[in-house]
């Protein structure tokens, strides 16, 4: 019981606000990763995990049966769920992917701003563990395990301040990466190399233009970035 209580206290005890220089350094590091092609390519697999995980969460929340998730080496992914092929559940499941990373980043920003950086990392480990159960291919398994191993190493070896800095960098990464993936989606659609994208599937489901859905994805992700920035710098700037 002492071990459990100690762990719970560690996870739920708020840490002091990160100083503004640390938050800005984390922001710059995340921006470099998102803006540098050589770094973005492998890092984009993390966004794919969040994207497909969002599809999976939406499927379960709307009462659909999650049949499995695949992650591919080209940073694409596929989430399969069973249920009605049309209707609100299918629409929400399909729409969740491109807004998922931004909303996950916004939730992480809320926890980080409240001082729960350690709890955030352990919550992430729990979500990755749940995701592993649904992975249906070897590359996907490797991607999730590698991500979980990095987070586990941080929670094991770094002091609380180091964990908070890592959590800040990861949060900034999700917030910045989400809008970029939407821009990439539209570029792929314009080149006609993504005829069955989430936006095009939503267009068929709702009879609303695919471009409208792309705009909605971008609006949500940019909104998450702006609000997350306000929360993070609003707390850290005074630290």
C-alpha atoms as a PDB file:
ATOM      1  CA  UNK A   1       0.000   0.000   0.000  1.00  0.00           C
ATOM      2  CA  UNK A   2       2.871   2.372   0.744  1.00  0.00           C
ATOM      3  CA  UNK A   3       4.154   1.910  -2.814  1.00  0.00           C
ATOM      4  CA  UNK A   4       0.713   2.598  -4.296  1.00  0.00           C
ATOM      5  CA  UNK A   5       0.189   5.637  -2.094  1.00  0.00           C
ATOM      6  CA  UNK A   6       3.629   6.953  -2.948  1.00  0.00           C
ATOM      7  CA  UNK A   7       2.981   6.511  -6.661  1.00  0.00           C
ATOM      8  CA  UNK A   8      -0.417   8.199  -6.411  1.00  0.00           C
ATOM      9  CA  UNK A   9       1.066  11.122  -4.505  1.00  0.00           C
ATOM     10  CA  UNK A  10       3.792  11.480  -7.128  1.00  0.00           C
ATOM     11  CA  UNK A  11       1.283  11.497  -9.978  1.00  0.00           C
ATOM     12  CA  UNK A  12      -1.257  13.825  -8.380  1.00  0.00           C
ATOM     13  CA  UNK A  13       1.033  16.358  -6.679  1.00  0.00           C
ATOM     14  CA  UNK A  14       1.224  19.554  -8.762  1.00  0.00           C
ATOM     15  CA  UNK A  15       4.681  20.758  -9.719  1.00  0.00           C
ATOM     16  CA  UNK A  16       5.708  24.427  -9.720  1.00  0.00           C
ATOM     17  CA  UNK A  17       5.078  26.264 -12.983  1.00  0.00           C
ATOM     18  CA  UNK A  18       7.786  25.790 -15.571  1.00  0.00           C
ATOM     19  CA  UNK A  19       9.830  28.968 -16.071  1.00  0.00           C
ATOM     20  CA  UNK A  20       9.155  30.864 -19.274  1.00  0.00           C
ATOM     21  CA  UNK A  21      12.646  30.117 -20.731  1.00  0.00           C
ATOM     22  CA  UNK A  22      12.008  26.369 -20.380  1.00  0.00           C
ATOM     23  CA  UNK A  23       8.596  26.638 -22.031  1.00  0.00           C
ATOM     24  CA  UNK A  24      10.041  28.712 -24.854  1.00  0.00           C
ATOM     25  CA  UNK A  25      12.927  26.281 -25.326  1.00  0.00           C
ATOM     26  CA  UNK A  26      10.424  23.410 -25.511  1.00  0.00           C
ATOM     27  CA  UNK A  27       8.396  25.398 -28.047  1.00  0.00           C
ATOM     28  CA  UNK A  28      11.446  26.069 -30.202  1.00  0.00           C
ATOM     29  CA  UNK A  29      12.513  22.416 -30.058  1.00  0.00           C
ATOM     30  CA  UNK A  30       9.041  21.263 -31.122  1.00  0.00           C
ATOM     31  CA  UNK A  31       8.895  23.863 -33.895  1.00  0.00           C
ATOM     32  CA  UNK A  32      12.272  22.700 -35.240  1.00  0.00           C
ATOM     33  CA  UNK A  33      11.038  19.099 -35.359  1.00  0.00           C
ATOM     34  CA  UNK A  34       7.781  20.047 -37.087  1.00  0.00           C
ATOM     35  CA  UNK A  35       9.499  22.404 -39.525  1.00  0.00           C
ATOM     36  CA  UNK A  36      12.512  20.266 -40.488  1.00  0.00           C
ATOM     37  CA  UNK A  37      11.687  17.586 -43.115  1.00  0.00           C
ATOM     38  CA  UNK A  38      14.365  15.161 -41.923  1.00  0.00           C
ATOM     39  CA  UNK A  39      13.020  15.313 -38.367  1.00  0.00           C
ATOM     40  CA  UNK A  40       9.350  15.623 -39.256  1.00  0.00           C
ATOM     41  CA  UNK A  41       9.237  12.377 -41.236  1.00  0.00           C
ATOM     42  CA  UNK A  42       9.975  10.020 -38.293  1.00  0.00           C
ATOM     43  CA  UNK A  43       8.252  12.259 -35.733  1.00  0.00           C
ATOM     44  CA  UNK A  44       5.066  12.191 -37.797  1.00  0.00           C
ATOM     45  CA  UNK A  45       4.546   8.586 -36.658  1.00  0.00           C
ATOM     46  CA  UNK A  46       3.678   9.991 -33.228  1.00  0.00           C
ATOM     47  CA  UNK A  47       0.987  12.150 -34.833  1.00  0.00           C
ATOM     48  CA  UNK A  48      -0.346   9.081 -36.640  1.00  0.00           C
ATOM     49  CA  UNK A  49      -0.637   7.264 -33.317  1.00  0.00           C
ATOM     50  CA  UNK A  50      -2.681  10.177 -31.957  1.00  0.00           C
ATOM     51  CA  UNK A  51      -4.727  10.392 -35.174  1.00  0.00           C
ATOM     52  CA  UNK A  52      -5.675   6.722 -35.244  1.00  0.00           C
ATOM     53  CA  UNK A  53      -6.121   6.661 -31.476  1.00  0.00           C
ATOM     54  CA  UNK A  54      -8.653   9.483 -31.835  1.00  0.00           C
ATOM     55  CA  UNK A  55     -10.552   7.460 -34.429  1.00  0.00           C
ATOM     56  CA  UNK A  56     -10.574   4.543 -32.002  1.00  0.00           C
ATOM     57  CA  UNK A  57     -11.754   6.602 -29.020  1.00  0.00           C
ATOM     58  CA  UNK A  58     -14.534   8.176 -31.095  1.00  0.00           C
ATOM     59  CA  UNK A  59     -15.642   4.748 -32.324  1.00  0.00           C
ATOM     60  CA  UNK A  60     -15.908   3.403 -28.779  1.00  0.00           C
ATOM     61  CA  UNK A  61     -17.639   6.517 -27.438  1.00  0.00           C
ATOM     62  CA  UNK A  62     -20.267   6.389 -30.182  1.00  0.00           C
ATOM     63  CA  UNK A  63     -21.015   2.716 -29.577  1.00  0.00           C
ATOM     64  CA  UNK A  64     -19.172   1.220 -32.528  1.00  0.00           C
ATOM     65  CA  UNK A  65     -17.051  -1.922 -32.153  1.00  0.00           C
ATOM     66  CA  UNK A  66     -13.354  -1.265 -32.637  1.00  0.00           C
ATOM     67  CA  UNK A  67     -11.928  -4.009 -34.850  1.00  0.00           C
ATOM     68  CA  UNK A  68      -8.287  -2.956 -34.975  1.00  0.00           C
ATOM     69  CA  UNK A  69      -5.732  -0.262 -35.787  1.00  0.00           C
ATOM     70  CA  UNK A  70      -2.839  -0.394 -38.238  1.00  0.00           C
ATOM     71  CA  UNK A  71       0.088   2.029 -38.436  1.00  0.00           C
ATOM     72  CA  UNK A  72       2.231   2.042 -41.570  1.00  0.00           C
ATOM     73  CA  UNK A  73       5.834   2.989 -42.250  1.00  0.00           C
ATOM     74  CA  UNK A  74       4.750   5.783 -44.636  1.00  0.00           C
ATOM     75  CA  UNK A  75       3.111   7.459 -41.582  1.00  0.00           C
ATOM     76  CA  UNK A  76      -0.385   6.571 -42.757  1.00  0.00           C
ATOM     77  CA  UNK A  77      -2.757   4.494 -40.660  1.00  0.00           C
ATOM     78  CA  UNK A  78      -6.084   2.697 -40.671  1.00  0.00           C
ATOM     79  CA  UNK A  79      -8.677   2.250 -37.949  1.00  0.00           C
ATOM     80  CA  UNK A  80     -11.420  -0.297 -38.586  1.00  0.00           C
ATOM     81  CA  UNK A  81     -14.666  -0.259 -36.629  1.00  0.00           C
ATOM     82  CA  UNK A  82     -17.906  -2.162 -37.031  1.00  0.00           C
ATOM     83  CA  UNK A  83     -21.369  -0.670 -36.870  1.00  0.00           C
ATOM     84  CA  UNK A  84     -23.736   1.317 -39.028  1.00  0.00           C
ATOM     85  CA  UNK A  85     -21.948   2.518 -42.189  1.00  0.00           C
ATOM     86  CA  UNK A  86     -23.729   5.868 -41.930  1.00  0.00           C
ATOM     87  CA  UNK A  87     -25.133   8.105 -39.216  1.00  0.00           C
ATOM     88  CA  UNK A  88     -23.707  10.310 -36.448  1.00  0.00           C
ATOM     89  CA  UNK A  89     -21.475   7.592 -34.981  1.00  0.00           C
ATOM     90  CA  UNK A  90     -19.691   7.014 -38.261  1.00  0.00           C
ATOM     91  CA  UNK A  91     -19.397  10.752 -38.931  1.00  0.00           C
ATOM     92  CA  UNK A  92     -17.883  11.466 -35.512  1.00  0.00           C
ATOM     93  CA  UNK A  93     -15.517   8.504 -35.823  1.00  0.00           C
ATOM     94  CA  UNK A  94     -14.323   9.671 -39.220  1.00  0.00           C
ATOM     95  CA  UNK A  95     -14.039  13.322 -38.160  1.00  0.00           C
ATOM     96  CA  UNK A  96     -12.007  12.593 -35.020  1.00  0.00           C
ATOM     97  CA  UNK A  97      -8.726  11.748 -36.721  1.00  0.00           C
ATOM     98  CA  UNK A  98      -7.423  15.110 -37.896  1.00  0.00           C
ATOM     99  CA  UNK A  99      -8.659  16.999 -34.835  1.00  0.00           C
ATOM    100  CA  UNK A 100      -7.444  14.310 -32.416  1.00  0.00           C
ATOM    101  CA  UNK A 101      -3.770  15.362 -32.146  1.00  0.00           C
ATOM    102  CA  UNK A 102      -4.732  18.993 -31.572  1.00  0.00           C
ATOM    103  CA  UNK A 103      -7.316  18.118 -28.929  1.00  0.00           C
ATOM    104  CA  UNK A 104      -4.921  15.701 -27.235  1.00  0.00           C
ATOM    105  CA  UNK A 105      -2.353  18.505 -27.218  1.00  0.00           C
ATOM    106  CA  UNK A 106      -4.909  20.885 -25.743  1.00  0.00           C
ATOM    107  CA  UNK A 107      -5.748  18.405 -22.982  1.00  0.00           C
ATOM    108  CA  UNK A 108      -2.040  17.951 -22.306  1.00  0.00           C
ATOM    109  CA  UNK A 109      -1.627  21.735 -22.134  1.00  0.00           C
ATOM    110  CA  UNK A 110      -4.428  21.930 -19.558  1.00  0.00           C
ATOM    111  CA  UNK A 111      -2.764  19.291 -17.366  1.00  0.00           C
ATOM    112  CA  UNK A 112       0.661  20.845 -17.786  1.00  0.00           C
ATOM    113  CA  UNK A 113      -0.631  24.326 -16.963  1.00  0.00           C
ATOM    114  CA  UNK A 114      -2.194  22.899 -13.789  1.00  0.00           C
ATOM    115  CA  UNK A 115       1.161  21.391 -12.774  1.00  0.00           C
ATOM    116  CA  UNK A 116       0.343  17.743 -13.487  1.00  0.00           C
ATOM    117  CA  UNK A 117       3.230  16.991 -15.839  1.00  0.00           C
ATOM    118  CA  UNK A 118       4.068  13.682 -14.135  1.00  0.00           C
ATOM    119  CA  UNK A 119       0.428  12.630 -14.176  1.00  0.00           C
ATOM    120  CA  UNK A 120       0.260  13.589 -17.857  1.00  0.00           C
ATOM    121  CA  UNK A 121       3.133  11.266 -18.734  1.00  0.00           C
ATOM    122  CA  UNK A 122       1.644   8.362 -16.789  1.00  0.00           C
ATOM    123  CA  UNK A 123      -1.758   8.969 -18.398  1.00  0.00           C
ATOM    124  CA  UNK A 124      -0.012   8.827 -21.771  1.00  0.00           C
ATOM    125  CA  UNK A 125       1.579   5.503 -20.848  1.00  0.00           C
ATOM    126  CA  UNK A 126      -1.842   4.154 -19.907  1.00  0.00           C
ATOM    127  CA  UNK A 127      -3.357   5.265 -23.210  1.00  0.00           C
ATOM    128  CA  UNK A 128      -0.496   3.699 -25.166  1.00  0.00           C
ATOM    129  CA  UNK A 129      -0.985   0.437 -23.262  1.00  0.00           C
ATOM    130  CA  UNK A 130      -4.677   0.423 -24.179  1.00  0.00           C
ATOM    131  CA  UNK A 131      -3.818   1.203 -27.785  1.00  0.00           C
ATOM    132  CA  UNK A 132      -1.456  -1.777 -27.976  1.00  0.00           C
ATOM    133  CA  UNK A 133      -4.404  -4.133 -27.534  1.00  0.00           C
ATOM    134  CA  UNK A 134      -5.907  -2.834 -30.786  1.00  0.00           C
ATOM    135  CA  UNK A 135      -2.768  -2.793 -32.956  1.00  0.00           C
ATOM    136  CA  UNK A 136      -2.943  -5.325 -35.788  1.00  0.00           C
ATOM    137  CA  UNK A 137       0.419  -5.071 -37.572  1.00  0.00           C
ATOM    138  CA  UNK A 138       4.094  -5.328 -36.667  1.00  0.00           C
ATOM    139  CA  UNK A 139       5.113  -1.797 -37.603  1.00  0.00           C
ATOM    140  CA  UNK A 140       2.261  -0.405 -35.557  1.00  0.00           C
ATOM    141  CA  UNK A 141       3.291  -2.555 -32.619  1.00  0.00           C
ATOM    142  CA  UNK A 142       6.876  -1.345 -32.892  1.00  0.00           C
ATOM    143  CA  UNK A 143       5.814   2.315 -33.191  1.00  0.00           C
ATOM    144  CA  UNK A 144       3.627   2.228 -30.086  1.00  0.00           C
ATOM    145  CA  UNK A 145       6.169   0.241 -28.066  1.00  0.00           C
ATOM    146  CA  UNK A 146       8.999   2.604 -29.042  1.00  0.00           C
ATOM    147  CA  UNK A 147       6.926   5.637 -28.058  1.00  0.00           C
ATOM    148  CA  UNK A 148       5.939   4.017 -24.767  1.00  0.00           C
ATOM    149  CA  UNK A 149       9.578   3.085 -24.077  1.00  0.00           C
ATOM    150  CA  UNK A 150      10.687   6.712 -24.471  1.00  0.00           C
ATOM    151  CA  UNK A 151       7.946   7.967 -22.147  1.00  0.00           C
ATOM    152  CA  UNK A 152       8.687   5.211 -19.630  1.00  0.00           C
ATOM    153  CA  UNK A 153      12.400   6.086 -19.660  1.00  0.00           C
ATOM    154  CA  UNK A 154      11.562   9.740 -19.001  1.00  0.00           C
ATOM    155  CA  UNK A 155       9.281   8.896 -16.077  1.00  0.00           C
ATOM    156  CA  UNK A 156      11.912   6.529 -14.647  1.00  0.00           C
ATOM    157  CA  UNK A 157      15.171   8.396 -15.071  1.00  0.00           C
ATOM    158  CA  UNK A 158      14.457  12.103 -15.238  1.00  0.00           C
ATOM    159  CA  UNK A 159      13.727  14.273 -12.188  1.00  0.00           C
ATOM    160  CA  UNK A 160      10.300  15.952 -11.989  1.00  0.00           C
ATOM    161  CA  UNK A 161      11.573  19.159 -13.622  1.00  0.00           C
ATOM    162  CA  UNK A 162      13.005  17.138 -16.501  1.00  0.00           C
ATOM    163  CA  UNK A 163       9.753  15.249 -16.898  1.00  0.00           C
ATOM    164  CA  UNK A 164       7.847  18.522 -17.007  1.00  0.00           C
ATOM    165  CA  UNK A 165      10.177  19.899 -19.693  1.00  0.00           C
ATOM    166  CA  UNK A 166       9.746  16.725 -21.767  1.00  0.00           C
ATOM    167  CA  UNK A 167       5.974  16.899 -21.334  1.00  0.00           C
ATOM    168  CA  UNK A 168       6.037  20.524 -22.472  1.00  0.00           C
ATOM    169  CA  UNK A 169       8.000  19.649 -25.618  1.00  0.00           C
ATOM    170  CA  UNK A 170       5.583  16.811 -26.412  1.00  0.00           C
ATOM    171  CA  UNK A 171       2.600  19.069 -25.837  1.00  0.00           C
ATOM    172  CA  UNK A 172       3.981  21.782 -28.107  1.00  0.00           C
ATOM    173  CA  UNK A 173       4.743  19.135 -30.723  1.00  0.00           C
ATOM    174  CA  UNK A 174       1.142  17.906 -30.859  1.00  0.00           C
ATOM    175  CA  UNK A 175      -0.249  21.438 -30.929  1.00  0.00           C
ATOM    176  CA  UNK A 176       2.062  22.490 -33.783  1.00  0.00           C
ATOM    177  CA  UNK A 177       1.928  19.235 -35.727  1.00  0.00           C
ATOM    178  CA  UNK A 178      -1.866  18.993 -35.893  1.00  0.00           C
ATOM    179  CA  UNK A 179      -2.382  21.961 -38.258  1.00  0.00           C
ATOM    180  CA  UNK A 180       0.513  20.843 -40.447  1.00  0.00           C
ATOM    181  CA  UNK A 181      -1.098  17.450 -41.061  1.00  0.00           C
ATOM    182  CA  UNK A 182      -4.290  19.184 -42.213  1.00  0.00           C
ATOM    183  CA  UNK A 183      -2.295  21.324 -44.660  1.00  0.00           C
ATOM    184  CA  UNK A 184      -0.614  18.150 -45.920  1.00  0.00           C
ATOM    185  CA  UNK A 185      -4.039  16.549 -46.314  1.00  0.00           C
ATOM    186  CA  UNK A 186      -5.261  19.339 -48.569  1.00  0.00           C
ATOM    187  CA  UNK A 187      -2.064  19.273 -50.623  1.00  0.00           C
ATOM    188  CA  UNK A 188      -2.515  15.529 -51.144  1.00  0.00           C
ATOM    189  CA  UNK A 189      -6.149  16.071 -52.113  1.00  0.00           C
ATOM    190  CA  UNK A 190      -5.150  18.786 -54.585  1.00  0.00           C
ATOM    191  CA  UNK A 191      -2.661  16.392 -56.193  1.00  0.00           C
ATOM    192  CA  UNK A 192      -5.407  13.729 -56.191  1.00  0.00           C
ATOM    193  CA  UNK A 193      -3.231  11.262 -54.267  1.00  0.00           C
ATOM    194  CA  UNK A 194      -5.702  10.997 -51.368  1.00  0.00           C
ATOM    195  CA  UNK A 195      -9.095  10.302 -52.993  1.00  0.00           C
ATOM    196  CA  UNK A 196     -10.345   8.376 -49.969  1.00  0.00           C
ATOM    197  CA  UNK A 197      -9.177  10.775 -47.249  1.00  0.00           C
ATOM    198  CA  UNK A 198     -11.148  11.383 -44.073  1.00  0.00           C
ATOM    199  CA  UNK A 199     -12.487  14.636 -45.571  1.00  0.00           C
ATOM    200  CA  UNK A 200     -13.692  12.862 -48.720  1.00  0.00           C
ATOM    201  CA  UNK A 201     -15.317  10.089 -46.707  1.00  0.00           C
ATOM    202  CA  UNK A 202     -17.090  12.726 -44.627  1.00  0.00           C
ATOM    203  CA  UNK A 203     -18.243  14.443 -47.806  1.00  0.00           C
ATOM    204  CA  UNK A 204     -19.884  11.208 -48.924  1.00  0.00           C
ATOM    205  CA  UNK A 205     -21.426  10.643 -45.487  1.00  0.00           C
ATOM    206  CA  UNK A 206     -22.793  14.155 -45.021  1.00  0.00           C
ATOM    207  CA  UNK A 207     -23.031  15.594 -48.564  1.00  0.00           C
ATOM    208  CA  UNK A 208     -21.032  18.576 -47.344  1.00  0.00           C
ATOM    209  CA  UNK A 209     -17.979  19.550 -49.434  1.00  0.00           C
ATOM    210  CA  UNK A 210     -14.722  17.864 -48.477  1.00  0.00           C
ATOM    211  CA  UNK A 211     -13.027  21.266 -48.471  1.00  0.00           C
ATOM    212  CA  UNK A 212     -15.455  22.376 -45.752  1.00  0.00           C
ATOM    213  CA  UNK A 213     -14.332  19.470 -43.594  1.00  0.00           C
ATOM    214  CA  UNK A 214     -10.685  20.311 -44.225  1.00  0.00           C
ATOM    215  CA  UNK A 215     -11.417  23.865 -43.116  1.00  0.00           C
ATOM    216  CA  UNK A 216     -13.162  22.587 -39.990  1.00  0.00           C
ATOM    217  CA  UNK A 217     -10.183  20.364 -39.146  1.00  0.00           C
ATOM    218  CA  UNK A 218      -7.834  23.329 -39.535  1.00  0.00           C
ATOM    219  CA  UNK A 219     -10.084  25.627 -37.495  1.00  0.00           C
ATOM    220  CA  UNK A 220     -10.178  23.177 -34.576  1.00  0.00           C
ATOM    221  CA  UNK A 221      -6.431  22.516 -34.666  1.00  0.00           C
ATOM    222  CA  UNK A 222      -5.459  26.183 -34.926  1.00  0.00           C
ATOM    223  CA  UNK A 223      -7.917  26.991 -32.139  1.00  0.00           C
ATOM    224  CA  UNK A 224      -6.335  24.276 -29.976  1.00  0.00           C
ATOM    225  CA  UNK A 225      -2.884  25.708 -30.715  1.00  0.00           C
ATOM    226  CA  UNK A 226      -3.914  29.242 -29.767  1.00  0.00           C
ATOM    227  CA  UNK A 227      -5.735  28.210 -26.604  1.00  0.00           C
ATOM    228  CA  UNK A 228      -2.973  25.814 -25.578  1.00  0.00           C
ATOM    229  CA  UNK A 229      -0.409  28.566 -26.101  1.00  0.00           C
ATOM    230  CA  UNK A 230      -2.435  30.901 -23.917  1.00  0.00           C
ATOM    231  CA  UNK A 231      -2.632  28.319 -21.147  1.00  0.00           C
ATOM    232  CA  UNK A 232       1.032  27.353 -21.281  1.00  0.00           C
ATOM    233  CA  UNK A 233       2.564  30.784 -21.586  1.00  0.00           C
ATOM    234  CA  UNK A 234      -0.049  32.304 -19.308  1.00  0.00           C
ATOM    235  CA  UNK A 235       1.218  30.101 -16.460  1.00  0.00           C
ATOM    236  CA  UNK A 236       4.873  29.803 -17.351  1.00  0.00           C
ATOM    237  CA  UNK A 237       5.393  33.467 -18.232  1.00  0.00           C
ATOM    238  CA  UNK A 238       4.904  34.477 -14.630  1.00  0.00           C
ATOM    239  CA  UNK A 239       7.063  31.658 -13.258  1.00  0.00           C
END
